[in-house]
Amino acid sequence: MAVQIFIGCIDEEIRHTSIVRNGKTCAMTGFSYLDYKKGWEIWTNYACSFAKFQNIGFQAMIDKIRNEDMTHRHVVMNITELGDILDSVGSKTAEVLFCNAFLRQIGKIGDSTGEIIFRGDLQRYNDLHKRFRIHTTEVLVPTKFHIDDNTQCNGNKCPRPHKIKVYLYSQYPIYEDKPLKIFNATKIGKMYNTYQVTYDHLKIPSRKELEKLGIDEKGDALK
């Protein structure tokens, strides 16, 4: 299992580009399109033209994985505005424990023939709850550039065509010749709704429901 989080910044560090509309969802969608062409199932909580299940909430994704046979299935879960679903301050304990245990368990789903990649985006990485951050395998930072002159773009509503360069956070400060991937924002933007406002949420399990799922107070699966 891989957990990839696309961010604008870690917390409040100084950035040379905006953390808003800097290509987070575009980059996440671009990576998932590459996986889609390899035969993976794509699930998204926003409108996406190539997703097998689109506009499906995080809770519904969790329920599908728990209730369906994932053997031989390769699934990418795309969650935009992840910080609104599980933020570092307002999330309730049961909700955090449920997600923590869920992420531990999906790594074992599908036996040796299935796999799940989880991708999410948010503006500030530290806004995501710590119990979720510990499962992250890659932190990715998209940055927007003008296609015609290769200059970084700071505008939130710039009308010029753009490309999105995606860097591993460990590569910062950015070196222009070492992006992990480069996506044409116009082409990828046609595959999903760039202006959609998502209204995703999690059903908060009760303590008894957590126990039925085999999750203890630390968020670990009970033996």
Protein backbone atom coordinates (compact mmCIF):
# COMPACT_ATOMS: atom_id res chain seq x y z
CA MET A 1 0.00 0.00 0.00
CA ALA A 2 1.15 3.50 -0.82
CA VAL A 3 -0.21 6.68 0.77
CA GLN A 4 0.60 9.77 -1.28
CA ILE A 5 -0.41 13.22 -0.04
CA PHE A 6 -0.33 16.25 -2.38
CA ILE A 7 0.16 19.54 -0.55
CA GLY A 8 0.70 23.26 -0.93
CA CYS A 9 3.05 23.45 2.06
CA ILE A 10 3.87 21.60 5.27
CA ASP A 11 2.64 24.30 7.62
CA GLU A 12 3.35 28.01 7.20
CA GLU A 13 6.78 27.99 5.60
CA ILE A 14 7.55 30.68 3.03
CA ARG A 15 6.59 29.65 -0.49
CA HIS A 16 7.36 31.32 -3.81
CA THR A 17 4.04 30.17 -5.21
CA SER A 18 0.47 30.06 -3.93
CA ILE A 19 -0.73 27.05 -1.95
CA VAL A 20 -4.22 27.61 -3.40
CA ARG A 21 -4.93 26.34 -6.93
CA ASN A 22 -1.31 25.30 -7.36
CA GLY A 23 -2.19 22.02 -9.10
CA LYS A 24 -2.73 19.60 -6.20
CA THR A 25 -5.86 17.91 -7.55
CA CYS A 26 -4.52 18.17 -11.10
CA ALA A 27 -1.33 16.32 -10.13
CA MET A 28 -3.23 13.71 -8.12
CA THR A 29 -5.57 13.15 -11.08
CA GLY A 30 -2.61 12.98 -13.47
CA PHE A 31 -0.89 10.24 -11.48
CA SER A 32 -4.15 8.31 -11.26
CA TYR A 33 -4.72 8.62 -15.01
CA LEU A 34 -1.35 6.96 -15.58
CA ASP A 35 -2.46 4.14 -13.27
CA TYR A 36 -5.84 3.95 -15.04
CA LYS A 37 -4.05 3.31 -18.33
CA LYS A 38 -2.29 0.37 -16.62
CA GLY A 39 -5.65 -1.16 -15.69
CA TRP A 40 -6.18 0.11 -12.14
CA GLU A 41 -9.66 0.96 -10.81
CA ILE A 42 -9.93 4.65 -9.90
CA TRP A 43 -12.29 5.82 -7.15
CA THR A 44 -12.72 9.57 -6.54
CA ASN A 45 -14.76 11.77 -4.24
CA TYR A 46 -15.01 14.32 -7.06
CA ALA A 47 -16.17 14.25 -10.70
CA CYS A 48 -13.54 12.44 -12.81
CA SER A 49 -14.16 11.16 -16.34
CA PHE A 50 -12.05 7.98 -16.11
CA ALA A 51 -12.97 6.93 -12.56
CA LYS A 52 -14.90 3.69 -12.12
CA PHE A 53 -16.62 5.27 -9.13
CA GLN A 54 -16.75 9.08 -8.97
CA ASN A 55 -18.36 11.47 -6.48
CA ILE A 56 -18.11 8.64 -3.94
CA GLY A 57 -17.26 9.77 -0.43
CA PHE A 58 -14.42 8.49 1.72
CA GLN A 59 -16.88 6.67 3.99
CA ALA A 60 -18.44 4.90 1.01
CA MET A 61 -14.96 3.87 -0.19
CA ILE A 62 -14.18 2.42 3.23
CA ASP A 63 -17.47 0.51 3.24
CA LYS A 64 -16.86 -0.90 -0.26
CA ILE A 65 -13.39 -2.13 0.66
CA ARG A 66 -14.64 -3.76 3.86
CA ASN A 67 -17.59 -5.46 2.15
CA GLU A 68 -16.19 -6.52 -1.22
CA ASP A 69 -13.61 -9.07 -2.34
CA MET A 70 -10.45 -7.14 -3.20
CA THR A 71 -8.50 -10.16 -4.46
CA HIS A 72 -6.94 -9.46 -7.86
CA ARG A 73 -8.15 -5.84 -7.69
CA HIS A 74 -5.86 -2.83 -8.00
CA VAL A 75 -7.57 0.28 -6.70
CA VAL A 76 -6.55 3.93 -6.43
CA MET A 77 -8.53 5.99 -3.91
CA ASN A 78 -8.44 9.75 -4.66
CA ILE A 79 -9.67 12.08 -1.90
CA THR A 80 -9.60 15.83 -2.51
CA GLU A 81 -9.86 18.32 0.39
CA LEU A 82 -8.64 15.61 2.77
CA GLY A 83 -7.96 18.14 5.51
CA ASP A 84 -11.67 18.96 5.71
CA ILE A 85 -12.45 15.29 6.40
CA LEU A 86 -9.82 14.56 9.05
CA ASP A 87 -8.16 17.73 10.32
CA SER A 88 -5.57 17.92 13.06
CA VAL A 89 -7.77 19.79 15.55
CA GLY A 90 -11.47 19.10 15.14
CA SER A 91 -11.60 15.38 14.44
CA LYS A 92 -13.20 13.24 17.10
CA THR A 93 -11.26 10.42 18.71
CA ALA A 94 -13.42 7.61 17.32
CA GLU A 95 -13.11 9.02 13.81
CA VAL A 96 -9.33 9.17 14.06
CA LEU A 97 -9.07 5.64 15.46
CA PHE A 98 -11.28 4.30 12.70
CA CYS A 99 -9.13 5.84 9.94
CA ASN A 100 -5.92 4.81 11.66
CA ALA A 101 -7.02 1.18 11.81
CA PHE A 102 -8.43 1.33 8.28
CA LEU A 103 -5.09 2.46 6.85
CA ARG A 104 -3.29 -0.29 8.75
CA GLN A 105 -5.64 -2.90 7.39
CA ILE A 106 -5.83 -1.96 3.71
CA GLY A 107 -2.16 -2.80 3.36
CA LYS A 108 -3.15 -6.43 3.87
CA ILE A 109 -6.17 -6.41 1.56
CA GLY A 110 -6.15 -8.44 -1.64
CA ASP A 111 -3.73 -11.10 -0.46
CA SER A 112 -0.66 -11.01 -2.72
CA THR A 113 -2.69 -10.27 -5.84
CA GLY A 114 -4.42 -7.00 -4.96
CA GLU A 115 -3.23 -3.56 -3.95
CA ILE A 116 -4.60 -0.18 -2.89
CA ILE A 117 -3.01 3.22 -3.43
CA PHE A 118 -4.44 6.06 -1.35
CA ARG A 119 -4.01 9.61 -2.65
CA GLY A 120 -5.26 12.77 -0.99
CA ASP A 121 -4.70 16.49 -1.30
CA LEU A 122 -4.88 19.46 1.06
CA GLN A 123 -3.29 22.89 1.39
CA ARG A 124 -1.23 22.37 4.55
CA TYR A 125 0.12 18.94 5.42
CA ASN A 126 0.12 19.64 9.17
CA ASP A 127 -3.62 20.33 8.98
CA LEU A 128 -4.04 16.58 8.48
CA HIS A 129 -4.36 14.62 11.70
CA LYS A 130 -1.08 13.14 12.96
CA ARG A 131 -2.57 9.65 13.18
CA PHE A 132 -3.13 9.83 9.42
CA ARG A 133 0.22 11.47 8.61
CA ILE A 134 2.21 8.59 10.13
CA HIS A 135 0.98 6.32 7.33
CA THR A 136 2.13 8.65 4.54
CA THR A 137 4.74 7.12 2.24
CA GLU A 138 5.24 10.17 -0.03
CA VAL A 139 4.58 13.89 0.37
CA LEU A 140 4.31 15.55 -3.06
CA VAL A 141 4.39 19.28 -3.82
CA PRO A 142 2.87 20.41 -7.16
CA THR A 143 4.01 23.78 -8.50
CA LYS A 144 2.41 25.69 -11.37
CA PHE A 145 4.45 27.02 -14.31
CA HIS A 146 3.53 28.89 -17.49
CA ILE A 147 3.95 26.58 -20.46
CA ASP A 148 5.22 29.22 -22.88
CA ASP A 149 8.12 30.65 -20.86
CA ASN A 150 8.58 28.09 -18.03
CA THR A 151 8.16 30.72 -15.30
CA GLN A 152 6.46 29.92 -12.00
CA CYS A 153 2.90 31.20 -11.74
CA ASN A 154 1.63 32.84 -8.57
CA GLY A 155 -1.84 33.72 -9.84
CA ASN A 156 -4.91 31.87 -8.61
CA LYS A 157 -6.93 32.76 -11.72
CA CYS A 158 -4.22 33.19 -14.34
CA PRO A 159 -5.71 32.67 -17.86
CA ARG A 160 -2.45 31.47 -19.42
CA PRO A 161 -1.87 27.73 -20.11
CA HIS A 162 0.07 25.92 -17.39
CA LYS A 163 2.05 22.82 -16.66
CA ILE A 164 2.29 21.28 -13.21
CA LYS A 165 5.68 20.12 -12.00
CA VAL A 166 5.44 17.66 -9.13
CA TYR A 167 8.27 17.37 -6.61
CA LEU A 168 8.90 15.11 -3.66
CA TYR A 169 8.96 17.27 -0.55
CA SER A 170 12.47 15.97 0.17
CA GLN A 171 13.62 17.75 -3.01
CA TYR A 172 12.86 21.18 -1.59
CA PRO A 173 14.00 23.82 -2.23
CA ILE A 174 12.71 23.24 -5.74
CA TYR A 175 15.22 22.47 -8.47
CA GLU A 176 13.54 23.05 -11.82
CA ASP A 177 15.37 20.23 -13.57
CA LYS A 178 14.35 17.51 -11.08
CA PRO A 179 10.55 17.21 -10.95
CA LEU A 180 9.10 13.75 -10.36
CA LYS A 181 6.45 14.31 -13.07
CA ILE A 182 5.24 17.12 -15.32
CA PHE A 183 1.57 17.34 -16.35
CA ASN A 184 -0.16 19.58 -18.89
CA ALA A 185 -2.78 21.27 -16.72
CA THR A 186 -5.10 21.93 -19.67
CA LYS A 187 -5.20 18.27 -20.74
CA ILE A 188 -5.56 16.86 -17.23
CA GLY A 189 -8.05 19.58 -16.31
CA LYS A 190 -10.48 18.27 -18.93
CA MET A 191 -10.65 14.96 -17.07
CA TYR A 192 -12.15 16.31 -13.84
CA ASN A 193 -14.15 19.23 -12.45
CA THR A 194 -11.53 21.75 -11.30
CA TYR A 195 -14.10 23.97 -9.59
CA GLN A 196 -16.18 21.33 -7.81
CA VAL A 197 -16.76 21.87 -4.11
CA THR A 198 -16.76 18.54 -2.32
CA TYR A 199 -18.98 17.80 0.66
CA ASP A 200 -17.39 14.66 2.01
CA HIS A 201 -17.64 13.36 5.55
CA LEU A 202 -17.03 10.34 7.71
CA LYS A 203 -19.59 8.55 9.79
CA ILE A 204 -18.23 8.67 13.34
CA PRO A 205 -18.21 5.16 14.83
CA SER A 206 -19.32 4.68 18.42
CA ARG A 207 -17.06 2.92 20.90
CA LYS A 208 -19.17 -0.24 20.55
CA GLU A 209 -18.92 -0.07 16.76
CA LEU A 210 -15.15 0.26 17.01
CA GLU A 211 -15.04 -2.82 19.21
CA LYS A 212 -17.15 -4.75 16.69
CA LEU A 213 -14.63 -3.78 14.01
CA GLY A 214 -11.86 -5.11 16.26
CA ILE A 215 -10.29 -1.69 16.93
CA ASP A 216 -8.92 -0.86 20.38
CA GLU A 217 -8.55 2.55 22.00
CA LYS A 218 -5.12 3.02 20.37
CA GLY A 219 -6.52 2.51 16.90
CA ASP A 220 -4.88 -0.90 16.49
CA ALA A 221 -6.68 -3.99 15.26
CA LEU A 222 -7.50 -6.34 18.09
CA LYS A 223 -6.17 -9.87 17.77
